[in-house]
Amino acid sequence: MKSLMQQALGADWDRLPPALQAHYRFGTSTDIGHLDIEFPRFMWPLLLLLRLVGALVHRRGRGVATRVEK
């Protein structure tokens, strides 16, 4: 079964890097790595509000250990 992303991209799916294909394939996946987080200072109040509802990350950092489960 093809994922929604595979269906949306059609033939362009094959042009995605292998890591993105693995992430967007149908089914579950876990990606582990490190993330650099940056944002402009003026966005801080908005990020704090979004953090209250569980969205996004509210702090900057370099090489932050990250685990994404889908």
C-alpha atoms as a PDB file:
ATOM      1  CA  MET A   1       0.000   0.000   0.000  1.00  0.00           C
ATOM      2  CA  LYS A   2       1.332   3.463  -0.886  1.00  0.00           C
ATOM      3  CA  SER A   3       1.437   6.249   1.680  1.00  0.00           C
ATOM      4  CA  LEU A   4      -0.402   9.509   1.119  1.00  0.00           C
ATOM      5  CA  MET A   5       2.944  11.192   0.391  1.00  0.00           C
ATOM      6  CA  GLN A   6       3.847   8.550  -2.220  1.00  0.00           C
ATOM      7  CA  GLN A   7       0.485   9.047  -3.879  1.00  0.00           C
ATOM      8  CA  ALA A   8       0.810  12.838  -3.829  1.00  0.00           C
ATOM      9  CA  LEU A   9       4.331  12.857  -5.295  1.00  0.00           C
ATOM     10  CA  GLY A  10       3.719  10.170  -7.914  1.00  0.00           C
ATOM     11  CA  ALA A  11       6.828   9.594 -10.046  1.00  0.00           C
ATOM     12  CA  ASP A  12       8.726  12.282  -8.088  1.00  0.00           C
ATOM     13  CA  TRP A  13       8.715   9.948  -5.072  1.00  0.00           C
ATOM     14  CA  ASP A  14      11.791   8.204  -6.506  1.00  0.00           C
ATOM     15  CA  ARG A  15      13.688  11.519  -6.503  1.00  0.00           C
ATOM     16  CA  LEU A  16      13.420  11.881  -2.698  1.00  0.00           C
ATOM     17  CA  PRO A  17      16.508  10.981  -0.643  1.00  0.00           C
ATOM     18  CA  PRO A  18      16.297   7.504   0.957  1.00  0.00           C
ATOM     19  CA  ALA A  19      15.920   8.962   4.479  1.00  0.00           C
ATOM     20  CA  LEU A  20      12.807  10.923   3.460  1.00  0.00           C
ATOM     21  CA  GLN A  21      11.362   7.916   1.643  1.00  0.00           C
ATOM     22  CA  ALA A  22      11.852   5.806   4.785  1.00  0.00           C
ATOM     23  CA  HIS A  23      10.150   8.437   6.925  1.00  0.00           C
ATOM     24  CA  TYR A  24       7.138   8.888   4.644  1.00  0.00           C
ATOM     25  CA  ARG A  25       6.525   5.241   3.718  1.00  0.00           C
ATOM     26  CA  PHE A  26       3.241   3.700   4.794  1.00  0.00           C
ATOM     27  CA  GLY A  27       3.367   2.329   8.328  1.00  0.00           C
ATOM     28  CA  THR A  28       5.379   3.191  11.390  1.00  0.00           C
ATOM     29  CA  SER A  29       8.957   4.397  11.555  1.00  0.00           C
ATOM     30  CA  THR A  30      11.413   5.818  14.062  1.00  0.00           C
ATOM     31  CA  ASP A  31      14.070   8.365  13.135  1.00  0.00           C
ATOM     32  CA  ILE A  32      16.872   9.067  15.607  1.00  0.00           C
ATOM     33  CA  GLY A  33      19.427  11.819  15.175  1.00  0.00           C
ATOM     34  CA  HIS A  34      20.390  15.340  16.153  1.00  0.00           C
ATOM     35  CA  LEU A  35      18.642  18.607  15.392  1.00  0.00           C
ATOM     36  CA  ASP A  36      19.746  22.239  15.285  1.00  0.00           C
ATOM     37  CA  ILE A  37      16.911  24.526  16.416  1.00  0.00           C
ATOM     38  CA  GLU A  38      16.941  28.215  15.554  1.00  0.00           C
ATOM     39  CA  PHE A  39      14.278  30.893  15.257  1.00  0.00           C
ATOM     40  CA  PRO A  40      14.121  34.698  15.271  1.00  0.00           C
ATOM     41  CA  ARG A  41      13.782  36.376  18.665  1.00  0.00           C
ATOM     42  CA  PHE A  42      10.464  38.025  17.693  1.00  0.00           C
ATOM     43  CA  MET A  43       8.862  34.544  17.435  1.00  0.00           C
ATOM     44  CA  TRP A  44       9.515  33.673  21.096  1.00  0.00           C
ATOM     45  CA  PRO A  45       6.044  34.735  22.406  1.00  0.00           C
ATOM     46  CA  LEU A  46       4.278  32.761  19.669  1.00  0.00           C
ATOM     47  CA  LEU A  47       6.412  29.681  20.342  1.00  0.00           C
ATOM     48  CA  LEU A  48       5.565  29.852  24.047  1.00  0.00           C
ATOM     49  CA  LEU A  49       1.856  29.897  23.204  1.00  0.00           C
ATOM     50  CA  LEU A  50       2.212  26.997  20.792  1.00  0.00           C
ATOM     51  CA  ARG A  51       4.198  25.074  23.397  1.00  0.00           C
ATOM     52  CA  LEU A  52       1.169  25.223  25.720  1.00  0.00           C
ATOM     53  CA  VAL A  53      -0.765  23.093  23.234  1.00  0.00           C
ATOM     54  CA  GLY A  54       2.137  20.718  22.641  1.00  0.00           C
ATOM     55  CA  ALA A  55       3.294  22.065  19.290  1.00  0.00           C
ATOM     56  CA  LEU A  56       6.816  22.856  18.207  1.00  0.00           C
ATOM     57  CA  VAL A  57       9.924  23.324  20.287  1.00  0.00           C
ATOM     58  CA  HIS A  58      10.261  26.390  22.512  1.00  0.00           C
ATOM     59  CA  ARG A  59      14.049  26.551  22.845  1.00  0.00           C
ATOM     60  CA  ARG A  60      17.108  26.959  20.683  1.00  0.00           C
ATOM     61  CA  GLY A  61      19.877  24.415  20.567  1.00  0.00           C
ATOM     62  CA  ARG A  62      22.576  22.703  18.547  1.00  0.00           C
ATOM     63  CA  GLY A  63      22.920  18.967  18.254  1.00  0.00           C
ATOM     64  CA  VAL A  64      19.777  18.302  20.320  1.00  0.00           C
ATOM     65  CA  ALA A  65      19.177  14.543  20.569  1.00  0.00           C
ATOM     66  CA  THR A  66      15.977  13.852  18.653  1.00  0.00           C
ATOM     67  CA  ARG A  67      13.653  10.887  18.240  1.00  0.00           C
ATOM     68  CA  VAL A  68      10.720  11.101  15.824  1.00  0.00           C
ATOM     69  CA  GLU A  69       8.161   8.287  15.931  1.00  0.00           C
ATOM     70  CA  LYS A  70       5.540   7.952  13.253  1.00  0.00           C
END
